[in-house]
Amino acid sequence: MTDAQPETILTHAGTTPFNHHGIVNPPVYHASTVLFPSVAALEAADAAPFDIINYGRIGTPTSQALEGAVATLEGGFKAVTAASGLAAIATALMAFTQAGDHVLVTDSAYGPTRRFCSEVLGRFGVAVDYYDPLIGADIAALIRPETRVVYLEAPGSLTFEVQDVPAIAAAAKAAGAQVLMDNTWATPLYFRPFDHGVDVSIHAATKYIVGHSDAMLGLMVCAEAAYEPVKRSAVRFGTCAGPDDLYLGLRGLRTLAVRLKRHGQAALALADWLARQPEVDRVLYPACPDDPGHALWRRDFTGASGLFSVQLHPCPKPAVAALLDHLELFGLGYSWGGFESLALPVYPRKLRTATRWDHPGPLVRFHAGLEDIDDLIADLDRGFGRLRAAMAAPD
């Protein structure tokens, strides 16, 4: 199976129909208790590695099906599921840190990642520094003897800087640090982190893997040496995903390739249209040829998903609200990766410490859904008409 094309792996990995009366989809195990036929069997399970099921929280055939499928797709050793993307981030970071350690985190990281690092890791005596996402191999100068983790997110989910993952990973590994990466934007389909030196690939599977805006789910895909620490961390913290959410992750995985292709096509078309609007200063989307990260994206990634941002020229906040408030097809919401299109005003200046976000104009993040592309453009065209009217109105 590992030699098959990704679309084939998506369709067949994690399925064992003839273990379940020929039924194509694995059954959903609702389990909190696992029984054993004898004391000897119970004690053998208690002494077994973590991938032996001896308690519903530690795993079920449903969780193992999803973990196995995603690990196969991404080229990892094994995976661990969690109740959300943030739960996966926190569990993975805690797997490799203790008081006195040091962690380096990209300055473009997801806001809740920053808050966990600053408020939780910091409270437990782990020092956290943020670095310029474009630092590349120069990150070596920031690595200390006590640096245990270098954390990446490529591209950043607000400002879309593309990190030089191989260069950063090589520097981290040379110093003995673990390389953790949030790979939610590209999914296992468009970026293979283990080919580029990553030790743990983290996904908010809530987004593209589930794909239907109806479940919360996280995944940690591990290189072989990283699996036991991550699984132990998940077990000790009680990190697990609900059975129905696991099923929805498996269901979404089967159509990931066709959905991502459509999301990417729509995003590129919208980005091209938006770039031609006079109110738009620039579009932040690595798949665009004029994006600063395009060359790295072309080198390391095999596709682009539907999430991008648009930097507007300076305009008052009410004008941005006029653009967004009455969009019919773009909902106002914080998530992304589902079937529906979304729009959101975002404020990266509030989240930066190692770098500055100095652009004076507003930033709007869009997620291109599965709607007809011409309908999406027409909706945005009406929105920009409202923005222009608001700009022209007397004070």
Protein backbone atom coordinates (compact mmCIF):
# COMPACT_ATOMS: atom_id res chain seq x y z
CA MET A 1 0.00 0.00 0.00
CA THR A 2 2.81 2.45 0.77
CA ASP A 3 3.94 2.24 -2.88
CA ALA A 4 0.50 3.22 -4.16
CA GLN A 5 -0.47 6.71 -5.28
CA PRO A 6 -1.96 8.99 -2.58
CA GLU A 7 -5.47 8.81 -4.03
CA THR A 8 -5.36 5.02 -3.77
CA ILE A 9 -4.06 5.13 -0.20
CA LEU A 10 -6.86 7.55 0.73
CA THR A 11 -9.43 5.14 -0.63
CA HIS A 12 -8.17 1.89 0.88
CA ALA A 13 -5.94 2.52 3.92
CA GLY A 14 -7.49 1.61 7.26
CA THR A 15 -10.12 -0.69 5.75
CA THR A 16 -10.34 -4.42 6.50
CA PRO A 17 -13.77 -5.38 5.12
CA PHE A 18 -13.42 -9.13 5.58
CA ASN A 19 -12.68 -8.69 9.26
CA HIS A 20 -16.17 -7.14 9.51
CA HIS A 21 -18.45 -9.40 7.46
CA GLY A 22 -17.39 -7.71 4.20
CA ILE A 23 -18.60 -4.26 5.30
CA VAL A 24 -16.51 -1.56 3.61
CA ASN A 25 -16.27 0.94 6.48
CA PRO A 26 -14.80 -0.11 9.84
CA PRO A 27 -17.38 -0.20 12.62
CA VAL A 28 -17.55 2.57 15.20
CA TYR A 29 -16.49 1.19 18.59
CA HIS A 30 -18.17 3.00 21.48
CA ALA A 31 -16.01 1.65 24.27
CA SER A 32 -14.76 2.61 27.69
CA THR A 33 -14.18 -0.89 29.01
CA VAL A 34 -12.30 -3.79 27.45
CA LEU A 35 -12.78 -7.23 28.99
CA PHE A 36 -10.27 -10.05 29.13
CA PRO A 37 -10.89 -13.82 29.33
CA SER A 38 -8.39 -14.43 32.13
CA VAL A 39 -6.08 -12.79 34.65
CA ALA A 40 -3.12 -13.82 32.50
CA ALA A 41 -4.55 -12.07 29.45
CA LEU A 42 -5.35 -8.94 31.46
CA GLU A 43 -1.87 -8.76 32.94
CA ALA A 44 -0.28 -9.37 29.53
CA ALA A 45 -2.25 -6.44 28.10
CA ASP A 46 -1.25 -4.20 31.00
CA ALA A 47 2.40 -4.96 30.29
CA ALA A 48 2.10 -4.54 26.52
CA PRO A 49 3.13 -1.53 24.43
CA PHE A 50 0.71 1.35 24.01
CA ASP A 51 -0.69 0.11 20.73
CA ILE A 52 -2.28 -2.88 22.47
CA ILE A 53 -5.87 -2.02 23.36
CA ASN A 54 -6.46 -2.50 27.08
CA TYR A 55 -8.72 0.47 27.81
CA GLY A 56 -11.09 2.43 25.56
CA ARG A 57 -9.22 5.67 26.12
CA ILE A 58 -5.94 4.16 24.94
CA GLY A 59 -7.44 3.11 21.63
CA THR A 60 -10.05 1.11 19.75
CA PRO A 61 -10.17 -0.46 16.30
CA THR A 62 -11.82 2.77 15.10
CA SER A 63 -8.95 4.98 16.26
CA GLN A 64 -6.39 2.52 14.97
CA ALA A 65 -8.00 2.52 11.52
CA LEU A 66 -7.72 6.30 11.21
CA GLU A 67 -4.24 6.44 12.74
CA GLY A 68 -2.98 3.74 10.42
CA ALA A 69 -4.49 5.33 7.33
CA VAL A 70 -3.04 8.79 7.97
CA ALA A 71 0.37 7.44 8.96
CA THR A 72 0.49 5.41 5.73
CA LEU A 73 -0.56 8.40 3.65
CA GLU A 74 1.96 10.77 5.23
CA GLY A 75 4.85 8.32 5.39
CA GLY A 76 5.09 8.27 9.19
CA PHE A 77 5.62 5.32 11.52
CA LYS A 78 2.41 5.51 13.56
CA ALA A 79 -0.12 8.15 14.56
CA VAL A 80 -1.98 9.18 17.71
CA THR A 81 -5.44 10.76 17.71
CA ALA A 82 -6.68 13.57 19.94
CA ALA A 83 -9.93 15.42 20.58
CA SER A 84 -8.88 18.55 18.65
CA GLY A 85 -5.99 20.14 16.82
CA LEU A 86 -5.00 22.10 19.92
CA ALA A 87 -5.10 18.94 22.03
CA ALA A 88 -2.70 17.34 19.54
CA ILE A 89 -0.38 20.36 19.64
CA ALA A 90 -0.33 20.43 23.45
CA THR A 91 0.14 16.67 23.79
CA ALA A 92 3.05 16.62 21.33
CA LEU A 93 4.81 19.57 22.94
CA MET A 94 4.45 18.07 26.41
CA ALA A 95 5.91 14.79 25.16
CA PHE A 96 9.36 16.33 24.73
CA THR A 97 9.62 19.08 27.35
CA GLN A 98 10.15 19.48 31.07
CA ALA A 99 11.19 22.24 33.46
CA GLY A 100 14.44 23.86 32.37
CA ASP A 101 14.00 23.07 28.67
CA HIS A 102 13.81 25.57 25.83
CA VAL A 103 11.43 25.59 22.84
CA LEU A 104 11.63 27.60 19.62
CA VAL A 105 8.29 28.40 17.95
CA THR A 106 7.67 30.12 14.63
CA ASP A 107 6.34 33.66 15.02
CA SER A 108 3.60 32.84 12.49
CA ALA A 109 2.12 30.05 14.63
CA TYR A 110 -1.59 29.53 15.25
CA GLY A 111 -2.69 31.82 18.09
CA PRO A 112 -3.76 29.05 20.52
CA THR A 113 -0.36 27.39 20.00
CA ARG A 114 1.31 30.58 21.19
CA ARG A 115 -0.98 30.86 24.18
CA PHE A 116 -0.32 27.26 25.20
CA CYS A 117 3.43 27.79 24.93
CA SER A 118 3.47 31.08 26.81
CA GLU A 119 0.85 30.35 29.45
CA VAL A 120 1.22 26.61 30.06
CA LEU A 121 4.76 25.63 29.09
CA GLY A 122 6.00 28.87 30.61
CA ARG A 123 4.17 28.18 33.87
CA PHE A 124 5.89 24.80 34.11
CA GLY A 125 9.37 26.23 33.66
CA VAL A 126 9.86 25.72 29.92
CA ALA A 127 11.41 28.77 28.21
CA VAL A 128 9.79 29.70 24.89
CA ASP A 129 11.24 31.97 22.22
CA TYR A 130 9.66 32.88 18.90
CA TYR A 131 11.62 33.09 15.66
CA ASP A 132 11.20 34.68 12.24
CA PRO A 133 9.43 32.08 10.06
CA LEU A 134 11.77 33.00 7.20
CA ILE A 135 14.94 32.34 9.22
CA GLY A 136 15.87 29.10 7.46
CA ALA A 137 19.22 27.56 8.41
CA ASP A 138 20.09 30.64 10.50
CA ILE A 139 17.89 29.20 13.24
CA ALA A 140 21.05 27.38 14.35
CA ALA A 141 22.14 30.60 16.07
CA LEU A 142 19.02 30.51 18.29
CA ILE A 143 19.33 26.91 19.40
CA ARG A 144 20.66 26.47 22.93
CA PRO A 145 22.04 23.38 24.64
CA GLU A 146 18.69 23.05 26.43
CA THR A 147 16.55 23.48 23.26
CA ARG A 148 14.38 20.38 23.01
CA VAL A 149 11.81 21.33 20.35
CA VAL A 150 11.73 23.47 17.22
CA TYR A 151 8.13 24.05 16.20
CA LEU A 152 7.09 24.96 12.64
CA GLU A 153 3.87 25.84 10.84
CA ALA A 154 4.15 26.02 7.07
CA PRO A 155 2.62 28.10 5.75
CA GLY A 156 1.43 30.24 8.65
CA SER A 157 -2.36 30.18 8.82
CA LEU A 158 -2.80 33.98 8.91
CA THR A 159 0.14 35.42 6.96
CA PHE A 160 1.20 32.36 4.91
CA GLU A 161 4.98 32.54 5.13
CA VAL A 162 6.47 29.35 3.70
CA GLN A 163 9.20 28.03 5.97
CA ASP A 164 12.34 26.30 4.70
CA VAL A 165 11.44 23.11 6.51
CA PRO A 166 14.48 21.02 5.44
CA ALA A 167 16.97 23.73 6.47
CA ILE A 168 15.31 24.34 9.84
CA ALA A 169 14.94 20.62 10.51
CA ALA A 170 18.59 19.94 9.66
CA ALA A 171 19.76 22.62 12.11
CA ALA A 172 17.46 21.31 14.83
CA LYS A 173 18.52 17.71 14.37
CA ALA A 174 22.19 18.65 14.41
CA ALA A 175 21.58 20.05 17.89
CA GLY A 176 19.50 17.07 19.06
CA ALA A 177 16.15 18.90 19.10
CA GLN A 178 12.84 17.39 18.03
CA VAL A 179 11.13 18.93 15.00
CA LEU A 180 7.36 19.37 15.35
CA MET A 181 5.28 20.83 12.52
CA ASP A 182 1.66 21.89 12.10
CA ASN A 183 0.82 20.46 8.66
CA THR A 184 -2.90 21.26 8.69
CA TRP A 185 -2.88 23.64 5.68
CA ALA A 186 -1.21 21.23 3.26
CA THR A 187 -2.63 18.02 4.76
CA PRO A 188 -0.73 14.73 4.33
CA LEU A 189 -1.66 14.92 0.64
CA TYR A 190 0.30 18.06 -0.29
CA PHE A 191 3.31 17.94 2.04
CA ARG A 192 5.24 14.90 3.28
CA PRO A 193 6.99 16.15 6.41
CA PHE A 194 9.01 13.01 7.12
CA ASP A 195 10.79 13.42 3.79
CA HIS A 196 11.98 16.83 5.05
CA GLY A 197 13.25 15.97 8.54
CA VAL A 198 10.12 16.41 10.69
CA ASP A 199 9.68 14.14 13.73
CA VAL A 200 6.00 14.79 14.52
CA SER A 201 3.45 16.09 12.02
CA ILE A 202 0.41 17.63 13.69
CA HIS A 203 -3.02 18.12 12.14
CA ALA A 204 -6.16 19.89 13.18
CA ALA A 205 -8.06 17.09 11.45
CA THR A 206 -11.19 19.09 12.29
CA LYS A 207 -10.43 20.97 9.10
CA TYR A 208 -9.62 19.26 5.79
CA ILE A 209 -9.46 15.65 6.97
CA VAL A 210 -12.96 15.73 8.47
CA GLY A 211 -13.90 18.24 5.79
CA HIS A 212 -17.56 18.75 6.64
CA SER A 213 -17.51 21.15 9.61
CA ASP A 214 -19.14 18.58 11.88
CA ALA A 215 -16.43 17.10 14.12
CA MET A 216 -13.44 18.05 16.28
CA LEU A 217 -10.33 15.94 15.80
CA GLY A 218 -6.54 16.10 16.11
CA LEU A 219 -3.75 13.88 14.81
CA MET A 220 -0.07 13.45 15.66
CA VAL A 221 1.80 11.43 13.04
CA CYS A 222 5.19 10.31 14.34
CA ALA A 223 8.55 9.16 13.12
CA GLU A 224 9.48 5.85 14.76
CA ALA A 225 11.63 7.31 17.56
CA ALA A 226 8.99 9.93 18.40
CA TYR A 227 6.01 7.59 18.63
CA GLU A 228 6.51 6.18 22.13
CA PRO A 229 7.01 9.60 23.82
CA VAL A 230 3.96 11.03 22.03
CA LYS A 231 1.75 8.03 22.79
CA ARG A 232 2.88 8.03 26.42
CA SER A 233 2.06 11.75 26.66
CA ALA A 234 -1.41 11.12 25.22
CA VAL A 235 -2.08 8.28 27.65
CA ARG A 236 -0.85 10.21 30.69
CA PHE A 237 -2.93 13.28 29.83
CA GLY A 238 -6.01 11.27 28.89
CA THR A 239 -5.86 12.56 25.33
CA CYS A 240 -8.30 10.74 23.07
CA ALA A 241 -10.91 11.37 20.39
CA GLY A 242 -14.59 10.43 20.47
CA PRO A 243 -15.63 7.41 18.42
CA ASP A 244 -18.07 9.25 16.18
CA ASP A 245 -15.52 11.97 15.45
CA LEU A 246 -13.00 9.27 14.51
CA TYR A 247 -15.54 7.80 12.13
CA LEU A 248 -16.17 11.21 10.56
CA GLY A 249 -12.41 11.61 10.12
CA LEU A 250 -12.26 8.28 8.29
CA ARG A 251 -15.22 9.27 6.15
CA GLY A 252 -13.67 12.61 5.25
CA LEU A 253 -10.32 11.05 4.45
CA ARG A 254 -11.83 9.07 1.56
CA THR A 255 -12.73 12.22 -0.40
CA LEU A 256 -9.78 14.38 0.65
CA ALA A 257 -8.07 14.30 -2.75
CA VAL A 258 -11.08 15.42 -4.77
CA ARG A 259 -12.09 18.04 -2.22
CA LEU A 260 -8.61 19.54 -1.91
CA LYS A 261 -8.27 19.79 -5.67
CA ARG A 262 -11.51 21.77 -5.83
CA HIS A 263 -10.57 23.96 -2.84
CA GLY A 264 -7.23 24.77 -4.46
CA GLN A 265 -8.75 25.58 -7.84
CA ALA A 266 -11.27 27.90 -6.22
CA ALA A 267 -8.66 29.61 -4.05
CA LEU A 268 -6.39 30.28 -7.03
CA ALA A 269 -9.28 31.72 -9.06
CA LEU A 270 -10.39 33.92 -6.16
CA ALA A 271 -6.83 35.03 -5.47
CA ASP A 272 -6.41 36.05 -9.12
CA TRP A 273 -9.67 38.01 -9.10
CA LEU A 274 -8.91 39.69 -5.78
CA ALA A 275 -5.42 40.70 -6.87
CA ARG A 276 -6.99 42.77 -9.66
CA GLN A 277 -9.20 44.79 -7.33
CA PRO A 278 -7.85 48.32 -6.73
CA GLU A 279 -8.50 48.05 -2.98
CA VAL A 280 -6.23 45.01 -2.69
CA ASP A 281 -2.55 45.60 -2.00
CA ARG A 282 -1.48 41.95 -2.22
CA VAL A 283 -2.71 38.39 -1.91
CA LEU A 284 -0.92 36.07 0.50
CA TYR A 285 -1.16 32.62 -1.09
CA PRO A 286 1.94 30.52 -1.82
CA ALA A 287 0.45 29.06 -5.00
CA CYS A 288 0.43 32.52 -6.62
CA PRO A 289 3.57 33.01 -8.76
CA ASP A 290 4.25 36.45 -7.27
CA ASP A 291 3.98 35.28 -3.65
CA PRO A 292 7.32 35.61 -1.77
CA GLY A 293 7.12 31.96 -0.70
CA HIS A 294 6.22 30.57 -4.12
CA ALA A 295 9.66 29.13 -4.93
CA LEU A 296 9.87 27.22 -1.64
CA TRP A 297 6.28 26.08 -2.04
CA ARG A 298 7.00 24.72 -5.53
CA ARG A 299 10.12 22.96 -4.25
CA ASP A 300 8.58 21.22 -1.25
CA PHE A 301 4.80 21.04 -1.68
CA THR A 302 2.69 19.20 -4.24
CA GLY A 303 -0.42 21.37 -4.00
CA ALA A 304 -2.21 24.18 -2.20
CA SER A 305 -5.39 24.11 -0.16
CA GLY A 306 -8.17 26.69 -0.05
CA LEU A 307 -6.98 29.05 2.71
CA PHE A 308 -5.31 32.41 1.97
CA SER A 309 -5.29 36.05 3.06
CA VAL A 310 -5.75 39.38 1.32
CA GLN A 311 -3.99 42.55 2.41
CA LEU A 312 -6.17 45.58 1.69
CA HIS A 313 -4.93 49.10 1.22
CA PRO A 314 -5.63 51.26 4.28
CA CYS A 315 -9.35 51.75 4.80
CA PRO A 316 -11.59 52.32 7.83
CA LYS A 317 -12.97 49.40 9.79
CA PRO A 318 -16.61 50.17 8.84
CA ALA A 319 -15.66 49.76 5.16
CA VAL A 320 -14.24 46.29 5.87
CA ALA A 321 -17.44 45.47 7.75
CA ALA A 322 -19.48 46.63 4.75
CA LEU A 323 -17.51 44.19 2.59
CA LEU A 324 -17.96 41.22 4.94
CA ASP A 325 -21.25 41.67 6.78
CA HIS A 326 -23.58 40.93 3.88
CA LEU A 327 -21.68 38.29 1.97
CA GLU A 328 -24.14 35.52 1.10
CA LEU A 329 -21.77 32.62 0.40
CA PHE A 330 -18.86 33.44 2.72
CA GLY A 331 -19.71 32.85 6.36
CA LEU A 332 -17.93 34.77 9.11
CA GLY A 333 -16.18 32.11 11.16
CA TYR A 334 -12.87 31.11 12.73
CA SER A 335 -12.44 27.61 11.36
CA TRP A 336 -11.70 26.46 7.82
CA GLY A 337 -11.29 23.30 5.77
CA GLY A 338 -14.99 22.49 5.52
CA PHE A 339 -17.14 22.47 2.42
CA GLU A 340 -18.28 26.07 2.91
CA SER A 341 -16.50 29.33 2.11
CA LEU A 342 -15.49 31.61 4.98
CA ALA A 343 -14.13 35.11 5.49
CA LEU A 344 -12.56 36.62 8.59
CA PRO A 345 -10.80 39.87 9.49
CA VAL A 346 -7.51 38.96 11.19
CA TYR A 347 -4.96 40.95 13.17
CA PRO A 348 -1.48 39.41 13.03
CA ARG A 349 0.14 42.43 14.69
CA LYS A 350 -1.32 41.27 18.00
CA LEU A 351 0.42 37.90 17.72
CA ARG A 352 3.96 38.87 16.68
CA THR A 353 6.95 39.19 18.99
CA ALA A 354 10.01 38.12 16.96
CA THR A 355 8.91 39.96 13.83
CA ARG A 356 6.77 43.02 13.11
CA TRP A 357 3.62 43.15 11.03
CA ASP A 358 3.69 46.78 9.93
CA HIS A 359 1.30 46.91 7.00
CA PRO A 360 -1.24 49.67 7.76
CA GLY A 361 -4.12 48.10 5.85
CA PRO A 362 -6.57 45.45 7.08
CA LEU A 363 -5.98 41.74 6.51
CA VAL A 364 -8.86 39.46 5.56
CA ARG A 365 -8.52 35.68 5.50
CA PHE A 366 -10.62 33.66 3.07
CA HIS A 367 -11.37 29.97 2.81
CA ALA A 368 -12.53 28.91 -0.65
CA GLY A 369 -15.23 26.28 -0.29
CA LEU A 370 -16.84 23.95 -2.79
CA GLU A 371 -19.40 26.38 -4.19
CA ASP A 372 -19.40 27.40 -7.86
CA ILE A 373 -16.40 29.68 -8.42
CA ASP A 374 -18.32 32.25 -10.48
CA ASP A 375 -20.93 32.49 -7.73
CA LEU A 376 -18.19 33.13 -5.16
CA ILE A 377 -16.65 35.85 -7.31
CA ALA A 378 -20.05 37.49 -7.82
CA ASP A 379 -20.59 37.50 -4.05
CA LEU A 380 -17.21 39.15 -3.50
CA ASP A 381 -17.87 41.63 -6.29
CA ARG A 382 -21.01 42.80 -4.51
CA GLY A 383 -19.02 43.00 -1.27
CA PHE A 384 -16.36 45.22 -2.83
CA GLY A 385 -19.14 47.40 -4.21
CA ARG A 386 -20.34 47.92 -0.64
CA LEU A 387 -16.77 48.64 0.50
CA ARG A 388 -16.40 51.32 -2.23
CA ALA A 389 -19.72 52.87 -1.32
CA ALA A 390 -18.68 53.01 2.35
CA MET A 391 -15.35 54.60 1.39
CA ALA A 392 -17.12 57.22 -0.75
CA ALA A 393 -19.74 58.10 1.84
CA PRO A 394 -19.21 61.42 3.65
CA ASP A 395 -18.11 61.23 7.26
